[in-house]
Amino acid sequence: MSQRRFIDLSHPIENGMITYPGLPAPVISDFWSRESTRGRYSEGATFQIGRIDMVANTGTYLDAPFHRYAEGSDVAALPLEKLVDVPGIRINLTAREGRAIEEAALSGLSLRGRAVLFHTGWDAHWRTPRYNEGHPYLTRSAAELLVAEQAALVGIDSLNIDGTDDGSRPVHTLLLEAGIPILEHLTGLHRLPEEGFRLHAVPAPLVGVGSFPVRAYAIL
């Protein structure tokens, strides 16, 4: 029996890092440091309790319908079957021309019930000024096909699954209306085969929140 492989698809979250222009960086610090707990417990026993101040859209994160729709499911209400052990497909677009990813990129592929991950290679620019400018994105027609084919989840390794010059955000609008969660800021998709992997990407079950970081990973 072959040994399973685990592929991490998430960016680590670090103090002071910027995920998206205009959003604040996380502040990560000690609430209780090891030094401050010295003497609270038996000799030699110390503990750390961290404190994090950050917006929900930090690092590699998942969008639930509530991110776009007031009546939509928040991250706590998402069904685990959409987030855990989902059969995946990687769409290799590293040799693409232009930024827009059209419906043709999905032609002839089986998408129903699968985590569809768009591999653009844009994660190579993570935490550089280049990452924030000219990112690849899906078009409305591509989103319409994903909805029609009933994809379970859609992810991308770039700044935004939508083109940020379109204020209507058609891809978020269509996918989240259909109850299809979105993963943004993925990384390491080059390590995946085009098929034959299972995706896991579960946020903490926060009520009243439409997006939250995940530890996204694949099992081969």
C-alpha atoms as a PDB file:
ATOM      1  CA  MET A   1       0.000   0.000   0.000  1.00  0.00           C
ATOM      2  CA  SER A   2       1.501   3.341  -1.047  1.00  0.00           C
ATOM      3  CA  GLN A   3       2.017   6.030   1.589  1.00  0.00           C
ATOM      4  CA  ARG A   4      -0.234   9.073   1.442  1.00  0.00           C
ATOM      5  CA  ARG A   5       1.338  12.465   0.763  1.00  0.00           C
ATOM      6  CA  PHE A   6       0.178  15.727   2.346  1.00  0.00           C
ATOM      7  CA  ILE A   7       0.624  18.938   0.332  1.00  0.00           C
ATOM      8  CA  ASP A   8       0.247  22.268   2.170  1.00  0.00           C
ATOM      9  CA  LEU A   9      -1.487  24.887   0.009  1.00  0.00           C
ATOM     10  CA  SER A  10      -1.564  27.750   2.520  1.00  0.00           C
ATOM     11  CA  HIS A  11       0.556  30.834   3.151  1.00  0.00           C
ATOM     12  CA  PRO A  12       1.718  31.116   6.785  1.00  0.00           C
ATOM     13  CA  ILE A  13       0.207  34.101   8.607  1.00  0.00           C
ATOM     14  CA  GLU A  14       2.896  36.339  10.079  1.00  0.00           C
ATOM     15  CA  ASN A  15       2.842  39.474  12.169  1.00  0.00           C
ATOM     16  CA  GLY A  16       2.795  42.563   9.949  1.00  0.00           C
ATOM     17  CA  MET A  17       2.199  40.876   6.600  1.00  0.00           C
ATOM     18  CA  ILE A  18      -0.200  42.364   4.042  1.00  0.00           C
ATOM     19  CA  THR A  19      -2.595  40.032   2.253  1.00  0.00           C
ATOM     20  CA  TYR A  20      -4.696  42.503   0.266  1.00  0.00           C
ATOM     21  CA  PRO A  21      -4.001  46.194  -0.388  1.00  0.00           C
ATOM     22  CA  GLY A  22      -6.091  48.421   1.870  1.00  0.00           C
ATOM     23  CA  LEU A  23      -6.594  45.783   4.565  1.00  0.00           C
ATOM     24  CA  PRO A  24      -4.528  45.980   7.760  1.00  0.00           C
ATOM     25  CA  ALA A  25      -1.805  43.507   8.583  1.00  0.00           C
ATOM     26  CA  PRO A  26      -2.315  41.093  11.477  1.00  0.00           C
ATOM     27  CA  VAL A  27      -0.827  41.953  14.852  1.00  0.00           C
ATOM     28  CA  ILE A  28       0.366  38.798  16.601  1.00  0.00           C
ATOM     29  CA  SER A  29       1.648  39.040  20.150  1.00  0.00           C
ATOM     30  CA  ASP A  30       1.634  37.363  23.552  1.00  0.00           C
ATOM     31  CA  PHE A  31      -1.353  37.774  25.833  1.00  0.00           C
ATOM     32  CA  TRP A  32       0.461  35.627  28.357  1.00  0.00           C
ATOM     33  CA  SER A  33       4.166  35.158  27.693  1.00  0.00           C
ATOM     34  CA  ARG A  34       6.184  32.273  29.078  1.00  0.00           C
ATOM     35  CA  GLU A  35       8.028  34.688  31.320  1.00  0.00           C
ATOM     36  CA  SER A  36       4.815  36.198  32.704  1.00  0.00           C
ATOM     37  CA  THR A  37       3.457  32.743  33.601  1.00  0.00           C
ATOM     38  CA  ARG A  38       6.577  31.706  35.431  1.00  0.00           C
ATOM     39  CA  GLY A  39       5.585  31.198  39.064  1.00  0.00           C
ATOM     40  CA  ARG A  40       1.880  30.604  38.321  1.00  0.00           C
ATOM     41  CA  TYR A  41       2.439  26.859  38.067  1.00  0.00           C
ATOM     42  CA  SER A  42       4.833  24.258  39.398  1.00  0.00           C
ATOM     43  CA  GLU A  43       8.511  24.979  38.989  1.00  0.00           C
ATOM     44  CA  GLY A  44       9.610  24.697  35.368  1.00  0.00           C
ATOM     45  CA  ALA A  45       6.081  24.878  33.900  1.00  0.00           C
ATOM     46  CA  THR A  46       5.354  27.882  31.683  1.00  0.00           C
ATOM     47  CA  PHE A  47       2.725  28.537  29.015  1.00  0.00           C
ATOM     48  CA  GLN A  48       2.097  30.937  26.159  1.00  0.00           C
ATOM     49  CA  ILE A  49      -1.330  32.310  25.150  1.00  0.00           C
ATOM     50  CA  GLY A  50      -1.226  34.285  21.945  1.00  0.00           C
ATOM     51  CA  ARG A  51      -3.248  37.321  20.973  1.00  0.00           C
ATOM     52  CA  ILE A  52      -4.187  38.052  17.349  1.00  0.00           C
ATOM     53  CA  ASP A  53      -5.757  41.209  15.959  1.00  0.00           C
ATOM     54  CA  MET A  54      -6.585  40.774  12.287  1.00  0.00           C
ATOM     55  CA  VAL A  55      -9.263  41.112   9.646  1.00  0.00           C
ATOM     56  CA  ALA A  56     -10.862  37.867   8.557  1.00  0.00           C
ATOM     57  CA  ASN A  57      -9.500  38.118   5.000  1.00  0.00           C
ATOM     58  CA  THR A  58      -5.907  37.330   5.915  1.00  0.00           C
ATOM     59  CA  GLY A  59      -3.550  34.762   4.424  1.00  0.00           C
ATOM     60  CA  THR A  60      -5.120  31.866   2.533  1.00  0.00           C
ATOM     61  CA  TYR A  61      -8.810  32.223   3.306  1.00  0.00           C
ATOM     62  CA  LEU A  62     -12.211  30.876   2.387  1.00  0.00           C
ATOM     63  CA  ASP A  63     -15.250  32.949   1.423  1.00  0.00           C
ATOM     64  CA  ALA A  64     -18.690  31.724   2.442  1.00  0.00           C
ATOM     65  CA  PRO A  65     -21.943  33.058   0.911  1.00  0.00           C
ATOM     66  CA  PHE A  66     -22.314  35.549   3.814  1.00  0.00           C
ATOM     67  CA  HIS A  67     -19.253  37.375   2.471  1.00  0.00           C
ATOM     68  CA  ARG A  68     -21.454  38.577  -0.410  1.00  0.00           C
ATOM     69  CA  TYR A  69     -25.034  38.017   0.785  1.00  0.00           C
ATOM     70  CA  ALA A  70     -26.519  39.080   4.122  1.00  0.00           C
ATOM     71  CA  GLU A  71     -28.830  36.055   4.100  1.00  0.00           C
ATOM     72  CA  GLY A  72     -26.116  33.597   3.051  1.00  0.00           C
ATOM     73  CA  SER A  73     -24.395  30.950   5.159  1.00  0.00           C
ATOM     74  CA  ASP A  74     -21.524  32.186   7.316  1.00  0.00           C
ATOM     75  CA  VAL A  75     -18.347  30.140   7.736  1.00  0.00           C
ATOM     76  CA  ALA A  76     -19.798  28.314  10.744  1.00  0.00           C
ATOM     77  CA  ALA A  77     -22.788  27.117   8.709  1.00  0.00           C
ATOM     78  CA  LEU A  78     -20.876  25.725   5.731  1.00  0.00           C
ATOM     79  CA  PRO A  79     -21.431  21.970   5.324  1.00  0.00           C
ATOM     80  CA  LEU A  80     -18.248  20.022   5.958  1.00  0.00           C
ATOM     81  CA  GLU A  81     -18.818  17.893   2.870  1.00  0.00           C
ATOM     82  CA  LYS A  82     -17.953  20.978   0.775  1.00  0.00           C
ATOM     83  CA  LEU A  83     -14.683  21.507   2.651  1.00  0.00           C
ATOM     84  CA  VAL A  84     -13.341  18.109   3.712  1.00  0.00           C
ATOM     85  CA  ASP A  85     -12.027  15.255   1.558  1.00  0.00           C
ATOM     86  CA  VAL A  86     -13.317  16.854  -1.648  1.00  0.00           C
ATOM     87  CA  PRO A  87     -12.048  15.309  -4.896  1.00  0.00           C
ATOM     88  CA  GLY A  88      -9.938  17.933  -6.640  1.00  0.00           C
ATOM     89  CA  ILE A  89      -8.919  19.002 -10.117  1.00  0.00           C
ATOM     90  CA  ARG A  90      -6.068  21.405 -10.925  1.00  0.00           C
ATOM     91  CA  ILE A  91      -6.442  23.656 -13.951  1.00  0.00           C
ATOM     92  CA  ASN A  92      -2.915  24.488 -15.127  1.00  0.00           C
ATOM     93  CA  LEU A  93      -2.886  28.035 -16.530  1.00  0.00           C
ATOM     94  CA  THR A  94       0.762  28.878 -16.048  1.00  0.00           C
ATOM     95  CA  ALA A  95       1.252  29.125 -19.843  1.00  0.00           C
ATOM     96  CA  ARG A  96      -1.821  31.328 -20.347  1.00  0.00           C
ATOM     97  CA  GLU A  97      -1.873  34.508 -22.383  1.00  0.00           C
ATOM     98  CA  GLY A  98      -3.439  37.503 -20.650  1.00  0.00           C
ATOM     99  CA  ARG A  99      -5.095  37.803 -17.268  1.00  0.00           C
ATOM    100  CA  ALA A 100      -8.696  36.723 -17.887  1.00  0.00           C
ATOM    101  CA  ILE A 101      -9.512  33.027 -17.456  1.00  0.00           C
ATOM    102  CA  GLU A 102     -12.373  32.197 -19.781  1.00  0.00           C
ATOM    103  CA  GLU A 103     -14.882  29.349 -19.930  1.00  0.00           C
ATOM    104  CA  ALA A 104     -12.707  27.639 -22.552  1.00  0.00           C
ATOM    105  CA  ALA A 105     -10.167  26.751 -19.856  1.00  0.00           C
ATOM    106  CA  LEU A 106     -12.746  24.319 -18.445  1.00  0.00           C
ATOM    107  CA  SER A 107     -13.856  22.789 -21.734  1.00  0.00           C
ATOM    108  CA  GLY A 108     -14.435  19.035 -21.579  1.00  0.00           C
ATOM    109  CA  LEU A 109     -13.561  18.722 -17.885  1.00  0.00           C
ATOM    110  CA  SER A 110     -15.625  16.929 -15.244  1.00  0.00           C
ATOM    111  CA  LEU A 111     -16.332  19.538 -12.544  1.00  0.00           C
ATOM    112  CA  ARG A 112     -19.413  18.322 -10.684  1.00  0.00           C
ATOM    113  CA  GLY A 113     -18.813  17.820  -6.968  1.00  0.00           C
ATOM    114  CA  ARG A 114     -15.116  18.677  -7.256  1.00  0.00           C
ATOM    115  CA  ALA A 115     -12.798  21.305  -5.816  1.00  0.00           C
ATOM    116  CA  VAL A 116     -11.671  23.202  -8.904  1.00  0.00           C
ATOM    117  CA  LEU A 117      -8.282  24.858  -8.299  1.00  0.00           C
ATOM    118  CA  PHE A 118      -6.917  27.383 -10.796  1.00  0.00           C
ATOM    119  CA  HIS A 119      -3.121  27.178 -10.932  1.00  0.00           C
ATOM    120  CA  THR A 120      -1.824  30.454 -12.363  1.00  0.00           C
ATOM    121  CA  GLY A 121       1.586  30.588 -10.677  1.00  0.00           C
ATOM    122  CA  TRP A 122       0.800  34.066  -9.308  1.00  0.00           C
ATOM    123  CA  ASP A 123       1.746  32.945  -5.796  1.00  0.00           C
ATOM    124  CA  ALA A 124       5.380  33.388  -6.871  1.00  0.00           C
ATOM    125  CA  HIS A 125       4.787  37.129  -6.300  1.00  0.00           C
ATOM    126  CA  TRP A 126       3.358  36.731  -2.770  1.00  0.00           C
ATOM    127  CA  ARG A 127       4.354  39.568  -0.428  1.00  0.00           C
ATOM    128  CA  THR A 128       5.845  41.634  -3.239  1.00  0.00           C
ATOM    129  CA  PRO A 129       4.326  44.731  -4.914  1.00  0.00           C
ATOM    130  CA  ARG A 130       3.840  42.658  -8.084  1.00  0.00           C
ATOM    131  CA  TYR A 131       1.290  40.425  -6.337  1.00  0.00           C
ATOM    132  CA  ASN A 132      -1.136  43.330  -6.028  1.00  0.00           C
ATOM    133  CA  GLU A 133      -1.062  44.404  -9.671  1.00  0.00           C
ATOM    134  CA  GLY A 134      -2.327  42.678 -12.792  1.00  0.00           C
ATOM    135  CA  HIS A 135      -3.380  39.401 -11.177  1.00  0.00           C
ATOM    136  CA  PRO A 136      -5.125  36.627 -13.160  1.00  0.00           C
ATOM    137  CA  TYR A 137      -8.863  36.196 -12.530  1.00  0.00           C
ATOM    138  CA  LEU A 138     -11.937  34.298 -13.704  1.00  0.00           C
ATOM    139  CA  THR A 139     -14.502  35.768 -16.074  1.00  0.00           C
ATOM    140  CA  ARG A 140     -18.254  35.747 -15.665  1.00  0.00           C
ATOM    141  CA  SER A 141     -18.579  33.014 -18.299  1.00  0.00           C
ATOM    142  CA  ALA A 142     -16.170  30.772 -16.398  1.00  0.00           C
ATOM    143  CA  ALA A 143     -18.152  31.309 -13.181  1.00  0.00           C
ATOM    144  CA  GLU A 144     -21.412  30.551 -14.972  1.00  0.00           C
ATOM    145  CA  LEU A 145     -20.012  27.227 -16.153  1.00  0.00           C
ATOM    146  CA  LEU A 146     -18.766  26.335 -12.669  1.00  0.00           C
ATOM    147  CA  VAL A 147     -22.238  27.003 -11.280  1.00  0.00           C
ATOM    148  CA  ALA A 148     -23.955  25.065 -14.057  1.00  0.00           C
ATOM    149  CA  GLU A 149     -21.627  22.093 -13.508  1.00  0.00           C
ATOM    150  CA  GLN A 150     -22.153  22.265  -9.721  1.00  0.00           C
ATOM    151  CA  ALA A 151     -18.539  22.490  -8.609  1.00  0.00           C
ATOM    152  CA  ALA A 152     -18.188  21.895  -4.854  1.00  0.00           C
ATOM    153  CA  LEU A 153     -15.545  24.605  -4.261  1.00  0.00           C
ATOM    154  CA  VAL A 154     -13.410  26.921  -6.400  1.00  0.00           C
ATOM    155  CA  GLY A 155      -9.926  28.203  -5.564  1.00  0.00           C
ATOM    156  CA  ILE A 156      -7.177  30.314  -7.098  1.00  0.00           C
ATOM    157  CA  ASP A 157      -3.558  31.161  -6.254  1.00  0.00           C
ATOM    158  CA  SER A 158      -3.825  34.904  -6.929  1.00  0.00           C
ATOM    159  CA  LEU A 159      -4.958  38.138  -5.295  1.00  0.00           C
ATOM    160  CA  ASN A 160      -8.646  37.798  -6.166  1.00  0.00           C
ATOM    161  CA  ILE A 161     -10.814  35.392  -8.114  1.00  0.00           C
ATOM    162  CA  ASP A 162     -12.485  38.463  -9.676  1.00  0.00           C
ATOM    163  CA  GLY A 163     -10.918  41.241 -11.671  1.00  0.00           C
ATOM    164  CA  THR A 164     -10.719  44.110  -9.204  1.00  0.00           C
ATOM    165  CA  ASP A 165     -11.579  46.680 -11.886  1.00  0.00           C
ATOM    166  CA  ASP A 166     -15.111  45.227 -12.071  1.00  0.00           C
ATOM    167  CA  GLY A 167     -17.040  46.509  -9.065  1.00  0.00           C
ATOM    168  CA  SER A 168     -19.883  44.051  -9.622  1.00  0.00           C
ATOM    169  CA  ARG A 169     -17.555  41.160  -8.680  1.00  0.00           C
ATOM    170  CA  PRO A 170     -19.385  38.679 -10.958  1.00  0.00           C
ATOM    171  CA  VAL A 171     -17.450  35.583  -9.896  1.00  0.00           C
ATOM    172  CA  HIS A 172     -18.006  36.095  -6.165  1.00  0.00           C
ATOM    173  CA  THR A 173     -21.615  37.007  -6.898  1.00  0.00           C
ATOM    174  CA  LEU A 174     -22.399  33.903  -8.966  1.00  0.00           C
ATOM    175  CA  LEU A 175     -20.430  31.306  -7.018  1.00  0.00           C
ATOM    176  CA  LEU A 176     -21.506  32.425  -3.544  1.00  0.00           C
ATOM    177  CA  GLU A 177     -25.132  32.781  -4.641  1.00  0.00           C
ATOM    178  CA  ALA A 178     -24.929  29.120  -5.694  1.00  0.00           C
ATOM    179  CA  GLY A 179     -23.448  28.151  -2.316  1.00  0.00           C
ATOM    180  CA  ILE A 180     -19.998  27.394  -3.750  1.00  0.00           C
ATOM    181  CA  PRO A 181     -17.218  28.430  -1.326  1.00  0.00           C
ATOM    182  CA  ILE A 182     -14.205  30.299  -2.718  1.00  0.00           C
ATOM    183  CA  LEU A 183     -10.555  29.857  -1.726  1.00  0.00           C
ATOM    184  CA  GLU A 184      -8.189  32.733  -2.472  1.00  0.00           C
ATOM    185  CA  HIS A 185      -4.424  33.193  -2.035  1.00  0.00           C
ATOM    186  CA  LEU A 186      -3.596  29.515  -2.433  1.00  0.00           C
ATOM    187  CA  THR A 187       0.015  28.506  -2.949  1.00  0.00           C
ATOM    188  CA  GLY A 188       2.006  25.470  -4.039  1.00  0.00           C
ATOM    189  CA  LEU A 189      -0.495  24.205  -6.589  1.00  0.00           C
ATOM    190  CA  HIS A 190       2.413  23.148  -8.826  1.00  0.00           C
ATOM    191  CA  ARG A 191       2.970  20.279  -6.397  1.00  0.00           C
ATOM    192  CA  LEU A 192      -0.403  18.734  -7.219  1.00  0.00           C
ATOM    193  CA  PRO A 193      -1.276  16.375 -10.060  1.00  0.00           C
ATOM    194  CA  GLU A 194      -4.051  17.523 -12.362  1.00  0.00           C
ATOM    195  CA  GLU A 195      -6.374  14.947 -10.783  1.00  0.00           C
ATOM    196  CA  GLY A 196      -6.307  12.291  -8.090  1.00  0.00           C
ATOM    197  CA  PHE A 197      -6.039  14.399  -4.936  1.00  0.00           C
ATOM    198  CA  ARG A 198      -8.458  15.237  -2.106  1.00  0.00           C
ATOM    199  CA  LEU A 199      -8.756  18.799  -0.812  1.00  0.00           C
ATOM    200  CA  HIS A 200      -9.288  19.863   2.814  1.00  0.00           C
ATOM    201  CA  ALA A 201      -9.890  23.533   3.721  1.00  0.00           C
ATOM    202  CA  VAL A 202     -11.818  24.199   6.931  1.00  0.00           C
ATOM    203  CA  PRO A 203     -12.107  27.560   8.714  1.00  0.00           C
ATOM    204  CA  ALA A 204     -12.838  27.936  12.425  1.00  0.00           C
ATOM    205  CA  PRO A 205     -16.659  27.866  12.895  1.00  0.00           C
ATOM    206  CA  LEU A 206     -17.153  31.579  13.494  1.00  0.00           C
ATOM    207  CA  VAL A 207     -20.751  32.814  13.534  1.00  0.00           C
ATOM    208  CA  GLY A 208     -21.481  36.047  11.680  1.00  0.00           C
ATOM    209  CA  VAL A 209     -18.272  35.988   9.617  1.00  0.00           C
ATOM    210  CA  GLY A 210     -18.193  35.575   5.841  1.00  0.00           C
ATOM    211  CA  SER A 211     -14.484  34.796   5.348  1.00  0.00           C
ATOM    212  CA  PHE A 212     -11.744  33.266   7.471  1.00  0.00           C
ATOM    213  CA  PRO A 213      -8.243  31.802   7.078  1.00  0.00           C
ATOM    214  CA  VAL A 214      -7.882  28.079   6.495  1.00  0.00           C
ATOM    215  CA  ARG A 215      -5.087  25.536   6.507  1.00  0.00           C
ATOM    216  CA  ALA A 216      -5.747  24.292   2.998  1.00  0.00           C
ATOM    217  CA  TYR A 217      -4.017  21.057   2.071  1.00  0.00           C
ATOM    218  CA  ALA A 218      -4.323  18.173  -0.330  1.00  0.00           C
ATOM    219  CA  ILE A 219      -3.852  14.458   0.219  1.00  0.00           C
ATOM    220  CA  LEU A 220      -2.437  12.340  -2.601  1.00  0.00           C
END
